[in-house]
N, C-alpha and C. Protein backbone atom coordinates (compact mmCIF):
# COMPACT_ATOMS: atom_id res chain seq x y z
N MET A 1 126.92 88.96 67.94
CA MET A 1 128.05 88.04 67.10
C MET A 1 128.13 88.65 66.07
N GLY A 2 128.72 89.78 65.90
CA GLY A 2 128.77 90.42 64.68
C GLY A 2 127.92 90.27 63.65
N GLY A 3 127.04 89.91 63.86
CA GLY A 3 125.70 90.15 62.41
C GLY A 3 126.01 89.15 61.45
N THR A 4 126.66 87.55 62.28
CA THR A 4 126.72 86.85 61.40
C THR A 4 125.60 85.94 61.30
N SER A 5 125.23 84.65 61.20
CA SER A 5 124.04 83.76 61.72
C SER A 5 124.35 82.47 61.68
N MET A 6 123.75 81.37 62.14
CA MET A 6 124.04 80.17 62.31
C MET A 6 124.13 79.39 61.01
N ASN A 7 123.04 79.80 60.16
CA ASN A 7 123.03 79.06 58.73
C ASN A 7 124.50 79.69 57.49
N THR A 8 125.29 80.75 58.08
CA THR A 8 126.48 81.25 57.37
C THR A 8 126.90 79.48 56.48
N PRO A 9 127.63 78.86 57.24
CA PRO A 9 128.00 78.01 56.51
C PRO A 9 127.49 77.05 55.36
N TYR A 10 126.62 76.79 55.94
CA TYR A 10 125.24 76.25 54.82
C TYR A 10 125.15 76.67 53.86
N GLU A 11 124.98 78.18 54.26
CA GLU A 11 124.37 78.74 52.96
C GLU A 11 125.41 79.18 51.75
N ASN A 12 126.80 78.96 52.74
CA ASN A 12 128.30 79.17 51.63
C ASN A 12 128.21 77.67 51.33
N LEU A 13 127.87 76.68 51.78
CA LEU A 13 128.16 75.22 50.90
C LEU A 13 126.96 75.49 50.05
N ALA A 14 125.69 75.75 50.40
CA ALA A 14 124.73 75.96 48.86
C ALA A 14 125.10 76.29 48.00
N ASN A 15 126.13 78.12 47.81
CA ASN A 15 126.31 78.99 47.18
C ASN A 15 127.66 77.89 46.26
N ALA A 16 128.33 77.31 47.03
CA ALA A 16 129.24 76.82 46.23
C ALA A 16 128.91 75.28 45.78
N ILE A 17 127.75 74.47 46.00
CA ILE A 17 127.31 73.33 45.07
C ILE A 17 126.81 73.95 43.90
N VAL A 18 126.21 75.33 43.78
CA VAL A 18 125.37 75.94 42.74
C VAL A 18 126.67 76.68 41.71
N LEU A 19 127.40 76.81 42.28
CA LEU A 19 128.11 77.96 41.46
C LEU A 19 129.16 76.56 40.78
N SER A 20 129.63 75.72 41.45
CA SER A 20 129.95 74.68 40.83
C SER A 20 129.23 73.95 39.32
N ALA A 21 127.94 73.67 39.74
CA ALA A 21 126.96 73.29 38.73
C ALA A 21 126.91 74.39 37.64
N VAL A 22 126.99 75.52 37.98
CA VAL A 22 127.46 76.83 36.73
C VAL A 22 128.30 76.61 36.20
N GLN A 23 129.55 76.25 36.80
CA GLN A 23 130.78 76.45 36.14
C GLN A 23 131.06 74.96 34.76
N ASP A 24 130.61 74.19 35.91
CA ASP A 24 130.51 72.64 34.91
C ASP A 24 129.73 72.89 33.75
N TYR A 25 128.38 73.61 33.99
CA TYR A 25 127.50 73.67 32.72
C TYR A 25 128.10 74.51 31.43
N ARG A 26 128.82 75.80 32.08
CA ARG A 26 129.77 76.69 31.28
C ARG A 26 130.47 75.58 30.43
N LYS A 27 131.28 74.91 31.03
CA LYS A 27 132.42 74.35 30.43
C LYS A 27 131.80 73.00 29.48
N ALA A 28 130.73 72.47 29.74
CA ALA A 28 130.05 71.38 29.09
C ALA A 28 129.36 72.12 27.49
N LEU A 29 128.98 73.30 27.80
CA LEU A 29 128.53 74.21 26.76
C LEU A 29 129.69 74.54 26.27
N ARG A 30 130.47 75.22 26.39
CA ARG A 30 131.96 75.36 25.31
C ARG A 30 132.51 74.15 24.77
N ILE A 31 132.49 72.62 25.33
CA ILE A 31 133.01 71.77 24.49
C ILE A 31 131.60 71.42 23.22
N LEU A 32 130.42 71.41 23.90
CA LEU A 32 129.62 71.18 23.11
C LEU A 32 129.59 72.33 21.65
N SER A 33 129.63 73.13 22.03
CA SER A 33 130.20 74.23 20.67
C SER A 33 131.48 74.33 19.99
N ARG A 34 132.40 73.58 20.26
CA ARG A 34 133.35 72.91 19.48
C ARG A 34 133.40 71.81 18.80
N PHE A 35 132.85 70.55 19.99
CA PHE A 35 132.82 69.85 19.55
C PHE A 35 131.08 68.91 19.46
N PRO A 36 130.13 69.03 18.84
CA PRO A 36 128.79 68.76 18.78
C PRO A 36 128.75 67.35 19.36
N GLU A 37 129.62 66.40 18.84
CA GLU A 37 129.37 65.20 18.90
C GLU A 37 129.96 64.70 20.19
N ARG A 38 130.48 65.54 21.38
CA ARG A 38 130.77 64.67 22.43
C ARG A 38 129.76 64.28 23.14
N ARG A 39 129.46 63.05 23.61
CA ARG A 39 128.47 62.74 24.04
C ARG A 39 128.72 62.75 25.53
N ASP A 40 130.11 62.51 26.24
CA ASP A 40 130.60 62.82 27.88
C ASP A 40 129.67 64.38 27.77
N ALA A 41 130.02 65.68 27.18
CA ALA A 41 129.85 66.77 27.26
C ALA A 41 128.36 66.89 27.26
N GLN A 42 127.88 66.02 26.64
CA GLN A 42 126.11 66.25 26.04
C GLN A 42 125.63 65.60 27.61
N LYS A 43 126.01 64.39 28.03
CA LYS A 43 125.49 64.12 29.10
C LYS A 43 126.01 64.64 30.21
N GLU A 44 126.54 65.50 30.74
CA GLU A 44 126.95 65.89 31.60
C GLU A 44 126.24 67.57 31.99
N LYS A 45 125.68 67.96 30.17
CA LYS A 45 124.84 69.04 30.45
C LYS A 45 123.30 68.38 30.54
N ASP A 46 123.02 67.70 29.98
CA ASP A 46 121.77 66.82 30.51
C ASP A 46 121.52 67.02 31.99
N SER A 47 122.67 66.33 32.80
CA SER A 47 122.73 66.43 34.00
C SER A 47 122.83 67.19 35.41
N ILE A 48 123.32 68.42 34.33
CA ILE A 48 123.03 69.12 35.22
C ILE A 48 121.96 70.25 35.13
N LEU A 49 121.00 70.00 33.45
CA LEU A 49 119.99 70.61 33.52
C LEU A 49 119.23 69.84 34.73
N GLN A 50 118.93 68.77 34.59
CA GLN A 50 117.84 67.68 35.80
C GLN A 50 118.09 68.39 36.93
N PHE A 51 119.87 68.78 37.50
CA PHE A 51 119.82 69.41 38.62
C PHE A 51 119.47 70.51 38.42
N PHE A 52 119.07 71.64 37.91
CA PHE A 52 118.84 73.03 38.26
C PHE A 52 117.32 73.09 38.08
N ARG A 53 116.65 71.96 37.69
CA ARG A 53 115.15 71.88 37.40
C ARG A 53 114.85 70.99 38.82
N SER A 54 115.90 70.55 39.78
CA SER A 54 115.27 69.46 40.64
C SER A 54 114.87 70.38 42.04
N GLU A 55 114.23 69.50 43.02
CA GLU A 55 113.78 70.25 44.28
C GLU A 55 114.97 70.36 45.00
N TRP A 56 116.15 69.31 44.74
CA TRP A 56 117.53 69.88 45.05
C TRP A 56 118.01 71.20 44.91
N PHE A 57 117.60 71.91 43.77
CA PHE A 57 118.57 73.44 43.36
C PHE A 57 117.58 74.50 44.20
N TYR A 58 116.31 73.94 44.10
CA TYR A 58 115.08 74.84 44.93
C TYR A 58 115.60 75.14 46.16
N ALA A 59 116.17 74.03 46.73
CA ALA A 59 116.29 73.94 48.30
C ALA A 59 117.72 74.78 48.57
N LEU A 60 118.80 74.81 47.60
CA LEU A 60 119.81 75.56 48.18
C LEU A 60 119.95 76.88 47.70
N THR A 61 118.79 77.59 46.53
CA THR A 61 118.82 78.71 46.31
C THR A 61 117.47 79.27 45.76
N SER A 62 117.11 80.34 45.91
CA SER A 62 116.01 81.04 45.45
C SER A 62 116.27 81.64 43.85
N ILE A 63 117.43 81.13 42.95
CA ILE A 63 117.47 81.73 41.75
C ILE A 63 116.69 80.76 40.77
N ASP A 64 115.75 81.44 40.13
CA ASP A 64 114.72 80.94 38.83
C ASP A 64 115.89 80.15 37.78
N PRO A 65 115.76 78.62 38.06
CA PRO A 65 116.48 77.81 37.33
C PRO A 65 116.64 78.26 35.54
N GLU A 66 115.37 78.31 35.14
CA GLU A 66 115.28 79.04 33.84
C GLU A 66 115.81 79.89 32.93
N PHE A 67 115.88 80.95 34.15
CA PHE A 67 116.43 82.33 34.04
C PHE A 67 117.92 82.15 33.87
N LEU A 68 118.41 81.45 34.73
CA LEU A 68 119.75 80.99 35.18
C LEU A 68 120.06 80.00 33.66
N ILE A 69 119.60 79.22 33.16
CA ILE A 69 119.87 78.90 32.24
C ILE A 69 119.80 79.35 31.06
N ARG A 70 118.83 80.30 30.71
CA ARG A 70 118.67 81.05 29.33
C ARG A 70 120.17 81.97 29.42
N LYS A 71 120.56 82.43 30.84
CA LYS A 71 121.62 83.29 30.66
C LYS A 71 122.80 82.83 30.25
N LEU A 72 123.08 81.35 31.07
CA LEU A 72 124.42 80.86 30.80
C LEU A 72 124.38 80.76 29.33
N ASP A 73 123.50 80.14 28.59
CA ASP A 73 123.42 79.63 27.49
C ASP A 73 123.26 80.92 26.00
N LYS A 74 123.04 82.10 26.62
CA LYS A 74 123.45 83.29 25.83
C LYS A 74 124.78 84.02 25.72
N GLU A 75 125.22 83.82 27.45
CA GLU A 75 126.84 83.97 27.80
C GLU A 75 127.70 82.80 26.87
N VAL A 76 127.40 81.50 26.79
CA VAL A 76 128.45 80.47 26.02
C VAL A 76 128.28 81.02 24.62
N ALA A 77 127.15 81.01 24.05
CA ALA A 77 126.95 81.45 22.95
C ALA A 77 127.53 82.36 22.01
N ALA A 78 127.85 83.64 22.80
CA ALA A 78 128.23 85.00 22.39
C ALA A 78 129.67 84.88 22.25
């Protein structure tokens, strides 16, 4: 069947969830770099960090969350 697997839609969904969290984390970091007092951005960042370190994240991807966090922190700080 063209090399597609039955899991492809689920993998696509999992990837979309992780990518959305990455984009939201970048956005929160950018806001905090300009406006450190923004509590809403800090809450968003904390919530996403909790997600990155959750069992749910591990179920969605094999990416090392600490590596991802370090990479995103460096990317936004640059």
